[in-house]
Amino acid sequence: MDLNINYTWIVEWMSTKKVDGDLQNVVVQAGWRVNAETTVDGKSYQTTSYGSAGFASPDPTSFTPYETLTKEQVLDWIFDAEVVDKESMEQGLKRQLESVIDPPVVQMPLPWVPTQPQPETESVPVQPQPESQPE
């Protein structure tokens, strides 16, 4: 199935170590989420996955202060941590969307039970009845 899927990667949170040697506010773990969304015949379909990745102490010569980190930089760390394989994660979400759009297994009506057309019904508002008073 050829789908045009929009993947959105999000960093949801970061845990820091206050002091690590001479460094301060060192990111040691980050939570991530990826949302996948597509539209087929005017209907929107979505799925998501999430997790976290831990990081070793950084090299002090290439340390980026917490205040100057970017989302893209932290996502690169997440992908480099070998916890998340970006491509296989996106392929898994694509398969989830495909199975919702065109399910491989469906529940069929029982062939020996005749199907009856369902009558169209309109809802009629129920009028409250006055409470009866004991005599």
N, C-alpha and C. Protein backbone atom coordinates (compact mmCIF):
# COMPACT_ATOMS: atom_id res chain seq x y z
N MET A 1 0.86 -1.17 0.00
CA MET A 1 0.00 0.00 0.00
C MET A 1 0.90 1.24 0.00
N ASP A 2 0.62 2.14 -0.91
CA ASP A 2 1.42 3.36 -1.03
C ASP A 2 0.74 4.49 -0.26
N LEU A 3 1.30 4.81 0.91
CA LEU A 3 0.73 5.84 1.76
C LEU A 3 1.67 7.03 1.87
N ASN A 4 1.10 8.20 1.92
CA ASN A 4 1.87 9.41 2.20
C ASN A 4 1.76 9.67 3.70
N ILE A 5 2.78 9.27 4.45
CA ILE A 5 2.73 9.34 5.92
C ILE A 5 3.60 10.48 6.42
N ASN A 6 3.05 11.25 7.35
CA ASN A 6 3.80 12.31 8.01
C ASN A 6 4.25 11.79 9.38
N TYR A 7 5.56 11.70 9.59
CA TYR A 7 6.12 11.26 10.86
C TYR A 7 6.59 12.50 11.62
N THR A 8 6.20 12.59 12.90
CA THR A 8 6.63 13.70 13.75
C THR A 8 7.33 13.13 14.96
N TRP A 9 8.63 13.42 15.08
CA TRP A 9 9.44 12.97 16.22
C TRP A 9 9.47 14.07 17.26
N ILE A 10 9.23 13.69 18.51
CA ILE A 10 9.12 14.65 19.61
C ILE A 10 10.00 14.20 20.77
N VAL A 11 10.70 15.14 21.38
CA VAL A 11 11.38 14.88 22.65
C VAL A 11 10.41 15.34 23.73
N GLU A 12 9.97 14.42 24.58
CA GLU A 12 8.95 14.75 25.57
C GLU A 12 9.52 15.19 26.90
N TRP A 13 10.68 14.67 27.26
CA TRP A 13 11.29 15.05 28.54
C TRP A 13 12.77 14.67 28.52
N MET A 14 13.51 15.29 29.43
CA MET A 14 14.93 14.98 29.60
C MET A 14 15.25 14.96 31.09
N SER A 15 16.01 13.95 31.52
CA SER A 15 16.51 13.89 32.89
C SER A 15 17.97 14.27 32.87
N THR A 16 18.38 15.06 33.85
CA THR A 16 19.76 15.53 33.88
C THR A 16 20.44 15.15 35.20
N LYS A 17 21.74 15.01 35.10
CA LYS A 17 22.58 14.85 36.28
C LYS A 17 23.07 16.26 36.60
N LYS A 18 22.82 16.72 37.82
CA LYS A 18 23.17 18.10 38.17
C LYS A 18 24.65 18.39 37.97
N VAL A 19 25.49 17.46 38.43
CA VAL A 19 26.94 17.65 38.30
C VAL A 19 27.56 16.33 37.84
N ASP A 20 28.39 16.41 36.81
CA ASP A 20 29.11 15.25 36.29
C ASP A 20 30.54 15.71 36.03
N GLY A 21 31.41 15.51 37.02
CA GLY A 21 32.77 16.05 36.91
C GLY A 21 32.71 17.56 36.93
N ASP A 22 33.26 18.19 35.89
CA ASP A 22 33.24 19.66 35.78
C ASP A 22 32.00 20.16 35.03
N LEU A 23 31.15 19.26 34.60
CA LEU A 23 29.99 19.64 33.79
C LEU A 23 28.73 19.73 34.67
N GLN A 24 27.81 20.58 34.24
CA GLN A 24 26.55 20.75 34.96
C GLN A 24 25.37 20.47 34.04
N ASN A 25 24.28 19.98 34.65
CA ASN A 25 23.04 19.69 33.92
C ASN A 25 23.30 18.83 32.69
N VAL A 26 23.86 17.65 32.94
CA VAL A 26 24.21 16.71 31.88
C VAL A 26 23.00 15.81 31.62
N VAL A 27 22.55 15.77 30.39
CA VAL A 27 21.40 14.94 30.03
C VAL A 27 21.82 13.48 30.09
N VAL A 28 21.10 12.70 30.90
CA VAL A 28 21.41 11.27 31.04
C VAL A 28 20.32 10.38 30.45
N GLN A 29 19.13 10.96 30.22
CA GLN A 29 18.04 10.19 29.66
C GLN A 29 17.05 11.14 28.99
N ALA A 30 16.42 10.67 27.91
CA ALA A 30 15.41 11.48 27.22
C ALA A 30 14.26 10.58 26.79
N GLY A 31 13.06 11.11 26.93
CA GLY A 31 11.86 10.41 26.48
C GLY A 31 11.47 10.94 25.12
N TRP A 32 11.07 10.03 24.24
CA TRP A 32 10.71 10.40 22.88
C TRP A 32 9.34 9.84 22.51
N ARG A 33 8.77 10.41 21.47
CA ARG A 33 7.51 9.93 20.89
C ARG A 33 7.58 10.19 19.39
N VAL A 34 7.02 9.26 18.62
CA VAL A 34 6.88 9.48 17.18
C VAL A 34 5.43 9.24 16.82
N ASN A 35 4.85 10.23 16.15
CA ASN A 35 3.48 10.14 15.67
C ASN A 35 3.52 9.93 14.16
N ALA A 36 2.64 9.06 13.67
CA ALA A 36 2.52 8.82 12.23
C ALA A 36 1.08 9.11 11.84
N GLU A 37 0.90 9.88 10.78
CA GLU A 37 -0.45 10.26 10.37
C GLU A 37 -0.54 10.23 8.85
N THR A 38 -1.68 9.74 8.36
CA THR A 38 -1.94 9.74 6.93
C THR A 38 -3.43 9.94 6.72
N THR A 39 -3.80 10.32 5.50
CA THR A 39 -5.20 10.50 5.14
C THR A 39 -5.47 9.66 3.90
N VAL A 40 -6.55 8.87 3.95
CA VAL A 40 -6.96 8.05 2.82
C VAL A 40 -8.45 8.30 2.59
N ASP A 41 -8.79 8.70 1.37
CA ASP A 41 -10.18 8.98 1.01
C ASP A 41 -10.85 9.93 2.00
N GLY A 42 -10.10 10.95 2.40
CA GLY A 42 -10.65 11.97 3.30
C GLY A 42 -10.71 11.58 4.76
N LYS A 43 -10.29 10.37 5.09
CA LYS A 43 -10.31 9.93 6.48
C LYS A 43 -8.89 9.91 7.03
N SER A 44 -8.72 10.48 8.22
CA SER A 44 -7.40 10.58 8.85
C SER A 44 -7.14 9.36 9.73
N TYR A 45 -5.91 8.83 9.65
CA TYR A 45 -5.49 7.70 10.48
C TYR A 45 -4.21 8.09 11.21
N GLN A 46 -4.11 7.68 12.48
CA GLN A 46 -2.94 8.04 13.28
C GLN A 46 -2.51 6.86 14.14
N THR A 47 -1.22 6.81 14.42
CA THR A 47 -0.69 5.86 15.39
C THR A 47 0.54 6.51 16.01
N THR A 48 1.00 5.95 17.12
CA THR A 48 2.12 6.54 17.82
C THR A 48 2.93 5.46 18.52
N SER A 49 4.17 5.79 18.82
CA SER A 49 5.04 4.93 19.61
C SER A 49 5.91 5.84 20.47
N TYR A 50 6.36 5.30 21.60
CA TYR A 50 7.17 6.13 22.49
C TYR A 50 8.13 5.26 23.27
N GLY A 51 9.11 5.91 23.87
CA GLY A 51 10.10 5.20 24.67
C GLY A 51 11.09 6.19 25.27
N SER A 52 12.20 5.65 25.71
CA SER A 52 13.25 6.51 26.28
C SER A 52 14.61 5.94 25.93
N ALA A 53 15.61 6.78 26.01
CA ALA A 53 16.99 6.38 25.73
C ALA A 53 17.89 6.98 26.80
N GLY A 54 18.86 6.20 27.23
CA GLY A 54 19.84 6.68 28.21
C GLY A 54 21.16 7.01 27.52
N PHE A 55 21.92 7.91 28.13
CA PHE A 55 23.16 8.38 27.53
C PHE A 55 24.31 8.28 28.52
N ALA A 56 25.48 7.93 28.00
CA ALA A 56 26.70 7.89 28.81
C ALA A 56 27.19 9.32 29.06
N SER A 57 28.11 9.45 29.99
CA SER A 57 28.69 10.78 30.25
C SER A 57 29.35 11.30 28.98
N PRO A 58 29.14 12.58 28.68
CA PRO A 58 29.68 13.14 27.44
C PRO A 58 31.17 13.45 27.54
N ASP A 59 31.79 13.60 26.40
CA ASP A 59 33.17 14.06 26.30
C ASP A 59 33.14 15.55 26.66
N PRO A 60 33.88 15.97 27.68
CA PRO A 60 33.85 17.39 28.09
C PRO A 60 34.25 18.35 26.97
N THR A 61 35.07 17.89 26.01
CA THR A 61 35.51 18.80 24.93
C THR A 61 34.41 19.05 23.91
N SER A 62 33.38 18.19 23.86
CA SER A 62 32.30 18.40 22.89
C SER A 62 30.94 18.59 23.59
N PHE A 63 30.98 18.92 24.88
CA PHE A 63 29.77 19.08 25.67
C PHE A 63 28.98 20.30 25.22
N THR A 64 27.68 20.15 25.11
CA THR A 64 26.77 21.25 24.79
C THR A 64 25.99 21.61 26.05
N PRO A 65 26.09 22.86 26.52
CA PRO A 65 25.34 23.25 27.70
C PRO A 65 23.84 23.03 27.51
N TYR A 66 23.19 22.63 28.57
CA TYR A 66 21.76 22.31 28.53
C TYR A 66 20.94 23.42 27.87
N GLU A 67 21.24 24.65 28.21
CA GLU A 67 20.46 25.80 27.72
C GLU A 67 20.55 25.97 26.21
N THR A 68 21.55 25.38 25.58
CA THR A 68 21.71 25.58 24.13
C THR A 68 21.38 24.32 23.31
N LEU A 69 20.90 23.28 23.98
CA LEU A 69 20.51 22.07 23.25
C LEU A 69 19.34 22.35 22.32
N THR A 70 19.29 21.62 21.22
CA THR A 70 18.17 21.71 20.30
C THR A 70 17.46 20.37 20.25
N LYS A 71 16.23 20.40 19.81
CA LYS A 71 15.46 19.17 19.65
C LYS A 71 16.18 18.22 18.69
N GLU A 72 16.68 18.74 17.59
CA GLU A 72 17.36 17.91 16.59
C GLU A 72 18.59 17.23 17.18
N GLN A 73 19.33 17.95 18.01
CA GLN A 73 20.53 17.39 18.62
C GLN A 73 20.16 16.23 19.56
N VAL A 74 19.15 16.42 20.36
CA VAL A 74 18.73 15.37 21.30
C VAL A 74 18.17 14.17 20.53
N LEU A 75 17.41 14.41 19.47
CA LEU A 75 16.92 13.30 18.65
C LEU A 75 18.09 12.52 18.04
N ASP A 76 19.13 13.23 17.59
CA ASP A 76 20.32 12.54 17.07
C ASP A 76 20.94 11.65 18.15
N TRP A 77 21.00 12.13 19.38
CA TRP A 77 21.52 11.30 20.47
C TRP A 77 20.67 10.05 20.65
N ILE A 78 19.35 10.25 20.59
CA ILE A 78 18.43 9.12 20.76
C ILE A 78 18.67 8.07 19.67
N PHE A 79 18.81 8.52 18.43
CA PHE A 79 19.05 7.58 17.32
C PHE A 79 20.43 6.95 17.43
N ASP A 80 21.41 7.72 17.89
CA ASP A 80 22.77 7.19 18.03
C ASP A 80 22.92 6.24 19.21
N ALA A 81 22.00 6.32 20.18
CA ALA A 81 22.08 5.47 21.37
C ALA A 81 21.77 4.01 21.04
N GLU A 82 21.40 3.73 19.80
CA GLU A 82 21.09 2.38 19.32
C GLU A 82 19.92 1.75 20.07
N VAL A 83 19.12 2.58 20.70
CA VAL A 83 17.90 2.10 21.35
C VAL A 83 16.77 2.19 20.32
N VAL A 84 16.83 3.21 19.48
CA VAL A 84 15.79 3.47 18.50
C VAL A 84 16.41 3.44 17.10
N ASP A 85 15.91 2.55 16.27
CA ASP A 85 16.28 2.55 14.85
C ASP A 85 15.17 3.32 14.13
N LYS A 86 15.47 4.55 13.76
CA LYS A 86 14.46 5.45 13.20
C LYS A 86 13.73 4.81 12.02
N GLU A 87 14.46 4.24 11.09
CA GLU A 87 13.85 3.68 9.88
C GLU A 87 12.93 2.51 10.21
N SER A 88 13.39 1.58 11.04
CA SER A 88 12.54 0.43 11.36
C SER A 88 11.34 0.85 12.22
N MET A 89 11.50 1.86 13.07
CA MET A 89 10.38 2.37 13.86
C MET A 89 9.30 2.94 12.93
N GLU A 90 9.72 3.73 11.94
CA GLU A 90 8.77 4.31 11.00
C GLU A 90 8.11 3.23 10.14
N GLN A 91 8.86 2.21 9.76
CA GLN A 91 8.28 1.10 8.99
C GLN A 91 7.25 0.34 9.82
N GLY A 92 7.52 0.16 11.11
CA GLY A 92 6.56 -0.50 11.99
C GLY A 92 5.28 0.30 12.11
N LEU A 93 5.39 1.62 12.23
CA LEU A 93 4.20 2.47 12.31
C LEU A 93 3.43 2.43 10.99
N LYS A 94 4.15 2.37 9.88
CA LYS A 94 3.50 2.26 8.56
C LYS A 94 2.69 0.97 8.49
N ARG A 95 3.25 -0.14 8.95
CA ARG A 95 2.52 -1.42 8.94
C ARG A 95 1.28 -1.35 9.82
N GLN A 96 1.37 -0.65 10.96
CA GLN A 96 0.21 -0.49 11.83
C GLN A 96 -0.90 0.27 11.11
N LEU A 97 -0.52 1.36 10.44
CA LEU A 97 -1.51 2.15 9.70
C LEU A 97 -2.15 1.31 8.59
N GLU A 98 -1.34 0.57 7.86
CA GLU A 98 -1.85 -0.27 6.77
C GLU A 98 -2.85 -1.30 7.29
N SER A 99 -2.58 -1.89 8.46
CA SER A 99 -3.48 -2.92 8.97
C SER A 99 -4.78 -2.32 9.51
N VAL A 100 -4.78 -1.05 9.87
CA VAL A 100 -6.02 -0.39 10.28
C VAL A 100 -6.82 0.02 9.04
N ILE A 101 -6.14 0.53 8.04
CA ILE A 101 -6.81 0.98 6.81
C ILE A 101 -7.37 -0.20 6.02
N ASP A 102 -6.60 -1.26 5.93
CA ASP A 102 -7.02 -2.46 5.20
C ASP A 102 -6.71 -3.68 6.05
N PRO A 103 -7.58 -3.99 7.02
CA PRO A 103 -7.28 -5.06 7.98
C PRO A 103 -7.07 -6.41 7.30
N PRO A 104 -6.02 -7.14 7.70
CA PRO A 104 -5.78 -8.46 7.12
C PRO A 104 -6.76 -9.50 7.64
N VAL A 105 -7.38 -9.25 8.78
CA VAL A 105 -8.36 -10.17 9.36
C VAL A 105 -9.60 -9.36 9.70
N VAL A 106 -10.76 -9.86 9.26
CA VAL A 106 -12.02 -9.17 9.53
C VAL A 106 -13.04 -10.17 10.05
N GLN A 107 -14.02 -9.68 10.77
CA GLN A 107 -15.08 -10.53 11.27
C GLN A 107 -16.23 -10.51 10.26
N MET A 108 -16.58 -11.69 9.78
CA MET A 108 -17.63 -11.82 8.78
C MET A 108 -18.93 -12.26 9.47
N PRO A 109 -20.08 -11.95 8.85
CA PRO A 109 -21.33 -12.46 9.41
C PRO A 109 -21.38 -13.98 9.24
N LEU A 110 -22.07 -14.64 10.13
CA LEU A 110 -22.20 -16.08 10.05
C LEU A 110 -23.03 -16.43 8.81
N PRO A 111 -22.53 -17.34 7.96
CA PRO A 111 -23.22 -17.60 6.69
C PRO A 111 -24.58 -18.29 6.87
N TRP A 112 -24.82 -18.96 7.98
CA TRP A 112 -26.09 -19.66 8.18
C TRP A 112 -27.14 -18.82 8.88
N VAL A 113 -26.76 -17.59 9.27
CA VAL A 113 -27.72 -16.69 9.92
C VAL A 113 -28.15 -15.65 8.89
N PRO A 114 -29.46 -15.64 8.56
CA PRO A 114 -29.90 -14.65 7.57
C PRO A 114 -29.72 -13.24 8.12
N THR A 115 -29.27 -12.39 7.26
CA THR A 115 -29.09 -11.00 7.68
C THR A 115 -30.39 -10.24 7.45
N GLN A 116 -30.76 -9.50 8.43
CA GLN A 116 -31.97 -8.69 8.36
C GLN A 116 -31.56 -7.24 8.22
N PRO A 117 -32.18 -6.54 7.30
CA PRO A 117 -31.87 -5.10 7.23
C PRO A 117 -32.32 -4.43 8.52
N GLN A 118 -31.49 -3.56 9.00
CA GLN A 118 -31.81 -2.84 10.23
C GLN A 118 -32.74 -1.69 9.91
N PRO A 119 -33.88 -1.61 10.61
CA PRO A 119 -34.80 -0.49 10.34
C PRO A 119 -34.17 0.81 10.82
N GLU A 120 -34.47 1.83 10.06
CA GLU A 120 -33.99 3.14 10.48
C GLU A 120 -34.86 3.61 11.62
N THR A 121 -34.22 4.07 12.66
CA THR A 121 -34.98 4.55 13.81
C THR A 121 -34.62 5.99 14.08
N GLU A 122 -35.58 6.68 14.56
CA GLU A 122 -35.34 8.06 14.98
C GLU A 122 -35.48 8.11 16.48
N SER A 123 -34.65 8.89 17.10
CA SER A 123 -34.79 9.01 18.55
C SER A 123 -35.89 10.02 18.85
N VAL A 124 -36.72 9.65 19.78
CA VAL A 124 -37.82 10.51 20.20
C VAL A 124 -37.53 10.93 21.62
N PRO A 125 -37.55 12.23 21.87
CA PRO A 125 -37.26 12.66 23.24
C PRO A 125 -38.31 12.13 24.20
N VAL A 126 -37.86 11.69 25.33
CA VAL A 126 -38.75 11.17 26.37
C VAL A 126 -39.21 12.35 27.22
N GLN A 127 -40.54 12.43 27.38
CA GLN A 127 -41.11 13.51 28.19
C GLN A 127 -41.15 13.04 29.64
N PRO A 128 -40.67 13.85 30.56
CA PRO A 128 -40.73 13.46 31.97
C PRO A 128 -42.18 13.37 32.42
N GLN A 129 -42.48 12.36 33.22
CA GLN A 129 -43.82 12.18 33.75
C GLN A 129 -43.89 12.83 35.13
N PRO A 130 -45.00 13.45 35.42
CA PRO A 130 -45.12 14.05 36.75
C PRO A 130 -45.14 12.94 37.80
N GLU A 131 -44.51 13.24 38.91
CA GLU A 131 -44.49 12.26 39.99
C GLU A 131 -45.89 12.12 40.57
N SER A 132 -46.26 10.90 40.85
CA SER A 132 -47.58 10.70 41.47
C SER A 132 -47.45 10.90 42.96
N GLN A 133 -48.44 11.52 43.50
CA GLN A 133 -48.47 11.80 44.94
C GLN A 133 -49.29 10.73 45.63
N PRO A 134 -48.81 10.19 46.73
CA PRO A 134 -49.61 9.20 47.45
C PRO A 134 -50.87 9.85 48.00
N GLU A 135 -51.94 9.14 47.93
CA GLU A 135 -53.21 9.69 48.41
C GLU A 135 -53.51 9.27 49.81
